[in-house]
Amino acid sequence: MQTTSSQIIVRRFFEAVRELKSRKVIRGIQTFTTRYGINKRNFYTCEAQPERDIFQVAWLGYLVNDYKVSATWLLTGEGDHFAENS
């Protein structure tokens, strides 16, 4: 079972993915999961049940490296959602 702090980070991850979708940076969840070889069922389960131990830390890296989501915001909730100059 994920700690409360981990669950909050997982929720921010999904918030960022939804924001990328709303900004049309990604087409949809399937586009994201296919690009990174993520099992779509696990993705949806993790979103619905962030307390489950199926979230992969590497997923955070995809957002930070490829979409310029702020690592500080993802981990702490502080600052802007997206890194400067993104």
PDB file of N, CA and C in Angstrom:
ATOM      1  N   MET A   1       0.842  -1.181   0.000  1.00  0.00           N
ATOM      2  CA  MET A   1       0.000   0.000   0.000  1.00  0.00           C
ATOM      3  C   MET A   1       0.887   1.244   0.000  1.00  0.00           C
ATOM      4  N   GLN A   2       0.542   2.194  -0.833  1.00  0.00           N
ATOM      5  CA  GLN A   2       1.285   3.444  -0.929  1.00  0.00           C
ATOM      6  C   GLN A   2       1.061   4.287   0.332  1.00  0.00           C
ATOM      7  N   THR A   3       2.081   5.053   0.705  1.00  0.00           N
ATOM      8  CA  THR A   3       1.908   5.995   1.810  1.00  0.00           C
ATOM      9  C   THR A   3       1.018   7.150   1.345  1.00  0.00           C
ATOM     10  N   THR A   4       0.527   7.902   2.285  1.00  0.00           N
ATOM     11  CA  THR A   4      -0.299   9.062   1.945  1.00  0.00           C
ATOM     12  C   THR A   4       0.472  10.032   1.061  1.00  0.00           C
ATOM     13  N   SER A   5       1.731  10.263   1.365  1.00  0.00           N
ATOM     14  CA  SER A   5       2.558  11.167   0.550  1.00  0.00           C
ATOM     15  C   SER A   5       2.708  10.645  -0.867  1.00  0.00           C
ATOM     16  N   SER A   6       2.909   9.356  -1.011  1.00  0.00           N
ATOM     17  CA  SER A   6       3.033   8.761  -2.348  1.00  0.00           C
ATOM     18  C   SER A   6       1.735   8.899  -3.128  1.00  0.00           C
ATOM     19  N   GLN A   7       0.615   8.707  -2.457  1.00  0.00           N
ATOM     20  CA  GLN A   7      -0.680   8.828  -3.117  1.00  0.00           C
ATOM     21  C   GLN A   7      -0.911  10.242  -3.642  1.00  0.00           C
ATOM     22  N   ILE A   8      -0.454  11.229  -2.912  1.00  0.00           N
ATOM     23  CA  ILE A   8      -0.594  12.623  -3.337  1.00  0.00           C
ATOM     24  C   ILE A   8       0.233  12.872  -4.597  1.00  0.00           C
ATOM     25  N   ILE A   9       1.431  12.318  -4.655  1.00  0.00           N
ATOM     26  CA  ILE A   9       2.284  12.461  -5.837  1.00  0.00           C
ATOM     27  C   ILE A   9       1.627  11.767  -7.032  1.00  0.00           C
ATOM     28  N   VAL A  10       1.078  10.596  -6.805  1.00  0.00           N
ATOM     29  CA  VAL A  10       0.392   9.864  -7.876  1.00  0.00           C
ATOM     30  C   VAL A  10      -0.787  10.694  -8.397  1.00  0.00           C
ATOM     31  N   ARG A  11      -1.525  11.306  -7.510  1.00  0.00           N
ATOM     32  CA  ARG A  11      -2.652  12.152  -7.938  1.00  0.00           C
ATOM     33  C   ARG A  11      -2.169  13.332  -8.776  1.00  0.00           C
ATOM     34  N   ARG A  12      -1.031  13.930  -8.383  1.00  0.00           N
ATOM     35  CA  ARG A  12      -0.488  15.040  -9.176  1.00  0.00           C
ATOM     36  C   ARG A  12      -0.061  14.555 -10.560  1.00  0.00           C
ATOM     37  N   PHE A  13       0.497  13.354 -10.630  1.00  0.00           N
ATOM     38  CA  PHE A  13       0.856  12.777 -11.926  1.00  0.00           C
ATOM     39  C   PHE A  13      -0.368  12.747 -12.841  1.00  0.00           C
ATOM     40  N   PHE A  14      -1.472  12.223 -12.348  1.00  0.00           N
ATOM     41  CA  PHE A  14      -2.675  12.126 -13.170  1.00  0.00           C
ATOM     42  C   PHE A  14      -3.258  13.502 -13.482  1.00  0.00           C
ATOM     43  N   GLU A  15      -3.120  14.426 -12.567  1.00  0.00           N
ATOM     44  CA  GLU A  15      -3.548  15.804 -12.844  1.00  0.00           C
ATOM     45  C   GLU A  15      -2.745  16.372 -14.012  1.00  0.00           C
ATOM     46  N   ALA A  16      -1.446  16.129 -14.022  1.00  0.00           N
ATOM     47  CA  ALA A  16      -0.585  16.616 -15.104  1.00  0.00           C
ATOM     48  C   ALA A  16      -0.955  15.965 -16.435  1.00  0.00           C
ATOM     49  N   VAL A  17      -1.226  14.667 -16.421  1.00  0.00           N
ATOM     50  CA  VAL A  17      -1.611  13.981 -17.656  1.00  0.00           C
ATOM     51  C   VAL A  17      -2.915  14.568 -18.195  1.00  0.00           C
ATOM     52  N   ARG A  18      -3.877  14.801 -17.311  1.00  0.00           N
ATOM     53  CA  ARG A  18      -5.143  15.407 -17.748  1.00  0.00           C
ATOM     54  C   ARG A  18      -4.913  16.801 -18.331  1.00  0.00           C
ATOM     55  N   GLU A  19      -4.008  17.564 -17.717  1.00  0.00           N
ATOM     56  CA  GLU A  19      -3.694  18.904 -18.224  1.00  0.00           C
ATOM     57  C   GLU A  19      -3.044  18.822 -19.608  1.00  0.00           C
ATOM     58  N   LEU A  20      -2.134  17.892 -19.795  1.00  0.00           N
ATOM     59  CA  LEU A  20      -1.506  17.709 -21.111  1.00  0.00           C
ATOM     60  C   LEU A  20      -2.556  17.361 -22.164  1.00  0.00           C
ATOM     61  N   LYS A  21      -3.512  16.538 -21.774  1.00  0.00           N
ATOM     62  CA  LYS A  21      -4.591  16.176 -22.693  1.00  0.00           C
ATOM     63  C   LYS A  21      -5.462  17.384 -23.001  1.00  0.00           C
ATOM     64  N   SER A  22      -5.807  18.163 -21.993  1.00  0.00           N
ATOM     65  CA  SER A  22      -6.676  19.325 -22.226  1.00  0.00           C
ATOM     66  C   SER A  22      -5.983  20.392 -23.070  1.00  0.00           C
ATOM     67  N   ARG A  23      -4.657  20.470 -22.953  1.00  0.00           N
ATOM     68  CA  ARG A  23      -3.888  21.417 -23.776  1.00  0.00           C
ATOM     69  C   ARG A  23      -3.581  20.856 -25.158  1.00  0.00           C
ATOM     70  N   LYS A  24      -4.031  19.624 -25.393  1.00  0.00           N
ATOM     71  CA  LYS A  24      -3.825  18.929 -26.658  1.00  0.00           C
ATOM     72  C   LYS A  24      -2.343  18.656 -26.960  1.00  0.00           C
ATOM     73  N   VAL A  25      -1.571  18.525 -25.892  1.00  0.00           N
ATOM     74  CA  VAL A  25      -0.165  18.139 -26.033  1.00  0.00           C
ATOM     75  C   VAL A  25      -0.087  16.649 -26.323  1.00  0.00           C
ATOM     76  N   ILE A  26      -0.977  15.897 -25.689  1.00  0.00           N
ATOM     77  CA  ILE A  26      -1.144  14.485 -26.016  1.00  0.00           C
ATOM     78  C   ILE A  26      -2.578  14.304 -26.480  1.00  0.00           C
ATOM     79  N   ARG A  27      -2.768  13.338 -27.336  1.00  0.00           N
ATOM     80  CA  ARG A  27      -4.095  13.114 -27.893  1.00  0.00           C
ATOM     81  C   ARG A  27      -5.043  12.487 -26.877  1.00  0.00           C
ATOM     82  N   GLY A  28      -4.503  11.566 -26.097  1.00  0.00           N
ATOM     83  CA  GLY A  28      -5.321  10.888 -25.105  1.00  0.00           C
ATOM     84  C   GLY A  28      -4.479   9.927 -24.282  1.00  0.00           C
ATOM     85  N   ILE A  29      -5.134   9.245 -23.379  1.00  0.00           N
ATOM     86  CA  ILE A  29      -4.444   8.314 -22.485  1.00  0.00           C
ATOM     87  C   ILE A  29      -3.798   7.184 -23.267  1.00  0.00           C
ATOM     88  N   GLN A  30      -4.492   6.663 -24.263  1.00  0.00           N
ATOM     89  CA  GLN A  30      -3.919   5.565 -25.042  1.00  0.00           C
ATOM     90  C   GLN A  30      -2.638   6.003 -25.740  1.00  0.00           C
ATOM     91  N   THR A  31      -2.594   7.217 -26.223  1.00  0.00           N
ATOM     92  CA  THR A  31      -1.381   7.727 -26.851  1.00  0.00           C
ATOM     93  C   THR A  31      -0.227   7.689 -25.858  1.00  0.00           C
ATOM     94  N   PHE A  32      -0.480   8.141 -24.641  1.00  0.00           N
ATOM     95  CA  PHE A  32       0.547   8.167 -23.602  1.00  0.00           C
ATOM     96  C   PHE A  32       0.984   6.759 -23.220  1.00  0.00           C
ATOM     97  N   THR A  33       0.012   5.887 -22.957  1.00  0.00           N
ATOM     98  CA  THR A  33       0.366   4.534 -22.508  1.00  0.00           C
ATOM     99  C   THR A  33       1.070   3.740 -23.605  1.00  0.00           C
ATOM    100  N   THR A  34       0.657   3.909 -24.829  1.00  0.00           N
ATOM    101  CA  THR A  34       1.308   3.206 -25.938  1.00  0.00           C
ATOM    102  C   THR A  34       2.734   3.700 -26.119  1.00  0.00           C
ATOM    103  N   ARG A  35       2.926   4.998 -26.063  1.00  0.00           N
ATOM    104  CA  ARG A  35       4.261   5.570 -26.258  1.00  0.00           C
ATOM    105  C   ARG A  35       5.273   5.000 -25.269  1.00  0.00           C
ATOM    106  N   TYR A  36       4.842   4.760 -24.039  1.00  0.00           N
ATOM    107  CA  TYR A  36       5.774   4.334 -22.993  1.00  0.00           C
ATOM    108  C   TYR A  36       5.615   2.864 -22.588  1.00  0.00           C
ATOM    109  N   GLY A  37       4.805   2.129 -23.311  1.00  0.00           N
ATOM    110  CA  GLY A  37       4.641   0.712 -23.016  1.00  0.00           C
ATOM    111  C   GLY A  37       3.998   0.449 -21.664  1.00  0.00           C
ATOM    112  N   ILE A  38       3.080   1.313 -21.283  1.00  0.00           N
ATOM    113  CA  ILE A  38       2.378   1.174 -20.003  1.00  0.00           C
ATOM    114  C   ILE A  38       1.099   0.383 -20.242  1.00  0.00           C
ATOM    115  N   ASN A  39       0.843  -0.578 -19.388  1.00  0.00           N
ATOM    116  CA  ASN A  39      -0.392  -1.336 -19.462  1.00  0.00           C
ATOM    117  C   ASN A  39      -1.545  -0.390 -19.144  1.00  0.00           C
ATOM    118  N   LYS A  40      -2.445  -0.216 -20.105  1.00  0.00           N
ATOM    119  CA  LYS A  40      -3.532   0.761 -19.942  1.00  0.00           C
ATOM    120  C   LYS A  40      -4.436   0.410 -18.759  1.00  0.00           C
ATOM    121  N   ARG A  41      -4.670  -0.865 -18.532  1.00  0.00           N
ATOM    122  CA  ARG A  41      -5.501  -1.274 -17.396  1.00  0.00           C
ATOM    123  C   ARG A  41      -4.841  -0.856 -16.078  1.00  0.00           C
ATOM    124  N   ASN A  42      -3.530  -1.067 -15.964  1.00  0.00           N
ATOM    125  CA  ASN A  42      -2.813  -0.638 -14.758  1.00  0.00           C
ATOM    126  C   ASN A  42      -2.885   0.874 -14.590  1.00  0.00           C
ATOM    127  N   PHE A  43      -2.771   1.588 -15.702  1.00  0.00           N
ATOM    128  CA  PHE A  43      -2.834   3.049 -15.676  1.00  0.00           C
ATOM    129  C   PHE A  43      -4.169   3.504 -15.080  1.00  0.00           C
ATOM    130  N   TYR A  44      -5.270   2.962 -15.604  1.00  0.00           N
ATOM    131  CA  TYR A  44      -6.587   3.353 -15.122  1.00  0.00           C
ATOM    132  C   TYR A  44      -6.833   2.902 -13.687  1.00  0.00           C
ATOM    133  N   THR A  45      -6.348   1.712 -13.339  1.00  0.00           N
ATOM    134  CA  THR A  45      -6.492   1.230 -11.970  1.00  0.00           C
ATOM    135  C   THR A  45      -5.747   2.137 -11.004  1.00  0.00           C
ATOM    136  N   CYS A  46      -4.554   2.525 -11.392  1.00  0.00           N
ATOM    137  CA  CYS A  46      -3.742   3.392 -10.539  1.00  0.00           C
ATOM    138  C   CYS A  46      -4.408   4.751 -10.357  1.00  0.00           C
ATOM    139  N   GLU A  47      -5.022   5.251 -11.398  1.00  0.00           N
ATOM    140  CA  GLU A  47      -5.716   6.543 -11.286  1.00  0.00           C
ATOM    141  C   GLU A  47      -6.901   6.426 -10.337  1.00  0.00           C
ATOM    142  N   ALA A  48      -7.639   5.351 -10.441  1.00  0.00           N
ATOM    143  CA  ALA A  48      -8.824   5.165  -9.602  1.00  0.00           C
ATOM    144  C   ALA A  48      -8.473   4.773  -8.178  1.00  0.00           C
ATOM    145  N   GLN A  49      -7.335   4.089  -8.009  1.00  0.00           N
ATOM    146  CA  GLN A  49      -6.941   3.591  -6.699  1.00  0.00           C
ATOM    147  C   GLN A  49      -5.460   3.904  -6.442  1.00  0.00           C
ATOM    148  N   PRO A  50      -5.136   5.159  -6.167  1.00  0.00           N
ATOM    149  CA  PRO A  50      -3.728   5.546  -6.002  1.00  0.00           C
ATOM    150  C   PRO A  50      -3.020   4.869  -4.833  1.00  0.00           C
ATOM    151  N   GLU A  51      -3.778   4.240  -3.966  1.00  0.00           N
ATOM    152  CA  GLU A  51      -3.162   3.554  -2.826  1.00  0.00           C
ATOM    153  C   GLU A  51      -2.547   2.210  -3.242  1.00  0.00           C
ATOM    154  N   ARG A  52      -2.865   1.715  -4.429  1.00  0.00           N
ATOM    155  CA  ARG A  52      -2.314   0.445  -4.896  1.00  0.00           C
ATOM    156  C   ARG A  52      -0.836   0.611  -5.242  1.00  0.00           C
ATOM    157  N   ASP A  53      -0.084  -0.443  -5.111  1.00  0.00           N
ATOM    158  CA  ASP A  53       1.366  -0.409  -5.368  1.00  0.00           C
ATOM    159  C   ASP A  53       1.708  -0.756  -6.812  1.00  0.00           C
ATOM    160  N   ILE A  54       1.025  -0.156  -7.771  1.00  0.00           N
ATOM    161  CA  ILE A  54       1.320  -0.456  -9.167  1.00  0.00           C
ATOM    162  C   ILE A  54       1.882   0.737  -9.922  1.00  0.00           C
ATOM    163  N   PHE A  55       1.922   1.898  -9.277  1.00  0.00           N
ATOM    164  CA  PHE A  55       2.480   3.080  -9.930  1.00  0.00           C
ATOM    165  C   PHE A  55       3.988   2.902 -10.117  1.00  0.00           C
ATOM    166  N   GLN A  56       4.469   3.252 -11.300  1.00  0.00           N
ATOM    167  CA  GLN A  56       5.888   3.134 -11.602  1.00  0.00           C
ATOM    168  C   GLN A  56       6.533   4.526 -11.562  1.00  0.00           C
ATOM    169  N   VAL A  57       7.573   4.667 -10.793  1.00  0.00           N
ATOM    170  CA  VAL A  57       8.259   5.954 -10.644  1.00  0.00           C
ATOM    171  C   VAL A  57       8.735   6.481 -11.997  1.00  0.00           C
ATOM    172  N   ALA A  58       9.082   5.599 -12.902  1.00  0.00           N
ATOM    173  CA  ALA A  58       9.534   6.018 -14.237  1.00  0.00           C
ATOM    174  C   ALA A  58       8.494   6.875 -14.942  1.00  0.00           C
ATOM    175  N   TRP A  59       7.225   6.683 -14.623  1.00  0.00           N
ATOM    176  CA  TRP A  59       6.174   7.473 -15.253  1.00  0.00           C
ATOM    177  C   TRP A  59       6.367   8.956 -14.968  1.00  0.00           C
ATOM    178  N   LEU A  60       6.878   9.288 -13.789  1.00  0.00           N
ATOM    179  CA  LEU A  60       7.154  10.696 -13.463  1.00  0.00           C
ATOM    180  C   LEU A  60       8.218  11.245 -14.405  1.00  0.00           C
ATOM    181  N   GLY A  61       9.226  10.435 -14.666  1.00  0.00           N
ATOM    182  CA  GLY A  61      10.302  10.854 -15.559  1.00  0.00           C
ATOM    183  C   GLY A  61       9.816  11.161 -16.960  1.00  0.00           C
ATOM    184  N   TYR A  62       8.841  10.410 -17.444  1.00  0.00           N
ATOM    185  CA  TYR A  62       8.307  10.689 -18.781  1.00  0.00           C
ATOM    186  C   TYR A  62       7.725  12.097 -18.840  1.00  0.00           C
ATOM    187  N   LEU A  63       6.999  12.468 -17.790  1.00  0.00           N
ATOM    188  CA  LEU A  63       6.405  13.811 -17.773  1.00  0.00           C
ATOM    189  C   LEU A  63       7.469  14.896 -17.680  1.00  0.00           C
ATOM    190  N   VAL A  64       8.454  14.667 -16.842  1.00  0.00           N
ATOM    191  CA  VAL A  64       9.509  15.664 -16.626  1.00  0.00           C
ATOM    192  C   VAL A  64      10.374  15.816 -17.881  1.00  0.00           C
ATOM    193  N   ASN A  65      10.820  14.700 -18.432  1.00  0.00           N
ATOM    194  CA  ASN A  65      11.753  14.750 -19.562  1.00  0.00           C
ATOM    195  C   ASN A  65      11.100  15.092 -20.889  1.00  0.00           C
ATOM    196  N   ASP A  66       9.939  14.547 -21.145  1.00  0.00           N
ATOM    197  CA  ASP A  66       9.341  14.699 -22.472  1.00  0.00           C
ATOM    198  C   ASP A  66       8.285  15.796 -22.572  1.00  0.00           C
ATOM    199  N   TYR A  67       7.716  16.185 -21.433  1.00  0.00           N
ATOM    200  CA  TYR A  67       6.633  17.173 -21.469  1.00  0.00           C
ATOM    201  C   TYR A  67       6.913  18.394 -20.597  1.00  0.00           C
ATOM    202  N   LYS A  68       8.094  18.435 -20.014  1.00  0.00           N
ATOM    203  CA  LYS A  68       8.540  19.579 -19.207  1.00  0.00           C
ATOM    204  C   LYS A  68       7.631  19.890 -18.031  1.00  0.00           C
ATOM    205  N   VAL A  69       7.027  18.855 -17.465  1.00  0.00           N
ATOM    206  CA  VAL A  69       6.285  19.025 -16.215  1.00  0.00           C
ATOM    207  C   VAL A  69       7.324  19.234 -15.119  1.00  0.00           C
ATOM    208  N   SER A  70       7.062  20.132 -14.224  1.00  0.00           N
ATOM    209  CA  SER A  70       8.003  20.461 -13.158  1.00  0.00           C
ATOM    210  C   SER A  70       8.144  19.299 -12.176  1.00  0.00           C
ATOM    211  N   ALA A  71       9.367  18.818 -12.011  1.00  0.00           N
ATOM    212  CA  ALA A  71       9.640  17.750 -11.043  1.00  0.00           C
ATOM    213  C   ALA A  71       9.350  18.247  -9.629  1.00  0.00           C
ATOM    214  N   THR A  72       9.662  19.509  -9.368  1.00  0.00           N
ATOM    215  CA  THR A  72       9.390  20.077  -8.046  1.00  0.00           C
ATOM    216  C   THR A  72       7.906  20.045  -7.754  1.00  0.00           C
ATOM    217  N   TRP A  73       7.107  20.460  -8.713  1.00  0.00           N
ATOM    218  CA  TRP A  73       5.662  20.450  -8.507  1.00  0.00           C
ATOM    219  C   TRP A  73       5.156  19.021  -8.323  1.00  0.00           C
ATOM    220  N   LEU A  74       5.615  18.094  -9.176  1.00  0.00           N
ATOM    221  CA  LEU A  74       5.162  16.709  -9.056  1.00  0.00           C
ATOM    222  C   LEU A  74       5.439  16.136  -7.673  1.00  0.00           C
ATOM    223  N   LEU A  75       6.632  16.410  -7.146  1.00  0.00           N
ATOM    224  CA  LEU A  75       7.037  15.801  -5.881  1.00  0.00           C
ATOM    225  C   LEU A  75       6.569  16.554  -4.646  1.00  0.00           C
ATOM    226  N   THR A  76       6.454  17.881  -4.759  1.00  0.00           N
ATOM    227  CA  THR A  76       6.128  18.673  -3.563  1.00  0.00           C
ATOM    228  C   THR A  76       4.807  19.426  -3.654  1.00  0.00           C
ATOM    229  N   GLY A  77       4.324  19.624  -4.871  1.00  0.00           N
ATOM    230  CA  GLY A  77       3.109  20.409  -5.053  1.00  0.00           C
ATOM    231  C   GLY A  77       3.379  21.907  -5.062  1.00  0.00           C
ATOM    232  N   GLU A  78       4.648  22.288  -4.999  1.00  0.00           N
ATOM    233  CA  GLU A  78       5.009  23.711  -4.968  1.00  0.00           C
ATOM    234  C   GLU A  78       5.460  24.183  -6.344  1.00  0.00           C
ATOM    235  N   GLY A  79       5.126  25.443  -6.638  1.00  0.00           N
ATOM    236  CA  GLY A  79       5.554  26.045  -7.896  1.00  0.00           C
ATOM    237  C   GLY A  79       4.560  25.759  -9.020  1.00  0.00           C
ATOM    238  N   ASP A  80       5.011  26.084 -10.222  1.00  0.00           N
ATOM    239  CA  ASP A  80       4.194  25.907 -11.412  1.00  0.00           C
ATOM    240  C   ASP A  80       4.160  24.440 -11.841  1.00  0.00           C
ATOM    241  N   HIS A  81       3.093  24.079 -12.507  1.00  0.00           N
ATOM    242  CA  HIS A  81       2.955  22.701 -13.008  1.00  0.00           C
ATOM    243  C   HIS A  81       4.027  22.385 -14.059  1.00  0.00           C
ATOM    244  N   PHE A  82       4.382  23.375 -14.829  1.00  0.00           N
ATOM    245  CA  PHE A  82       5.323  23.160 -15.921  1.00  0.00           C
ATOM    246  C   PHE A  82       6.599  23.942 -15.669  1.00  0.00           C
ATOM    247  N   ALA A  83       7.722  23.340 -16.073  1.00  0.00           N
ATOM    248  CA  ALA A  83       9.020  23.984 -15.894  1.00  0.00           C
ATOM    249  C   ALA A  83       9.064  25.247 -16.739  1.00  0.00           C
ATOM    250  N   GLU A  84       9.855  26.202 -16.320  1.00  0.00           N
ATOM    251  CA  GLU A  84      10.010  27.443 -17.066  1.00  0.00           C
ATOM    252  C   GLU A  84      10.562  27.145 -18.447  1.00  0.00           C
ATOM    253  N   ASN A  85      10.198  27.997 -19.390  1.00  0.00           N
ATOM    254  CA  ASN A  85      10.658  27.897 -20.772  1.00  0.00           C
ATOM    255  C   ASN A  85      10.181  26.612 -21.447  1.00  0.00           C
ATOM    256  N   SER A  86       9.011  26.133 -21.037  1.00  0.00           N
ATOM    257  CA  SER A  86       8.503  24.930 -21.689  1.00  0.00           C
ATOM    258  C   SER A  86       7.530  25.287 -22.782  1.00  0.00           C
TER     259      SER A  86
END
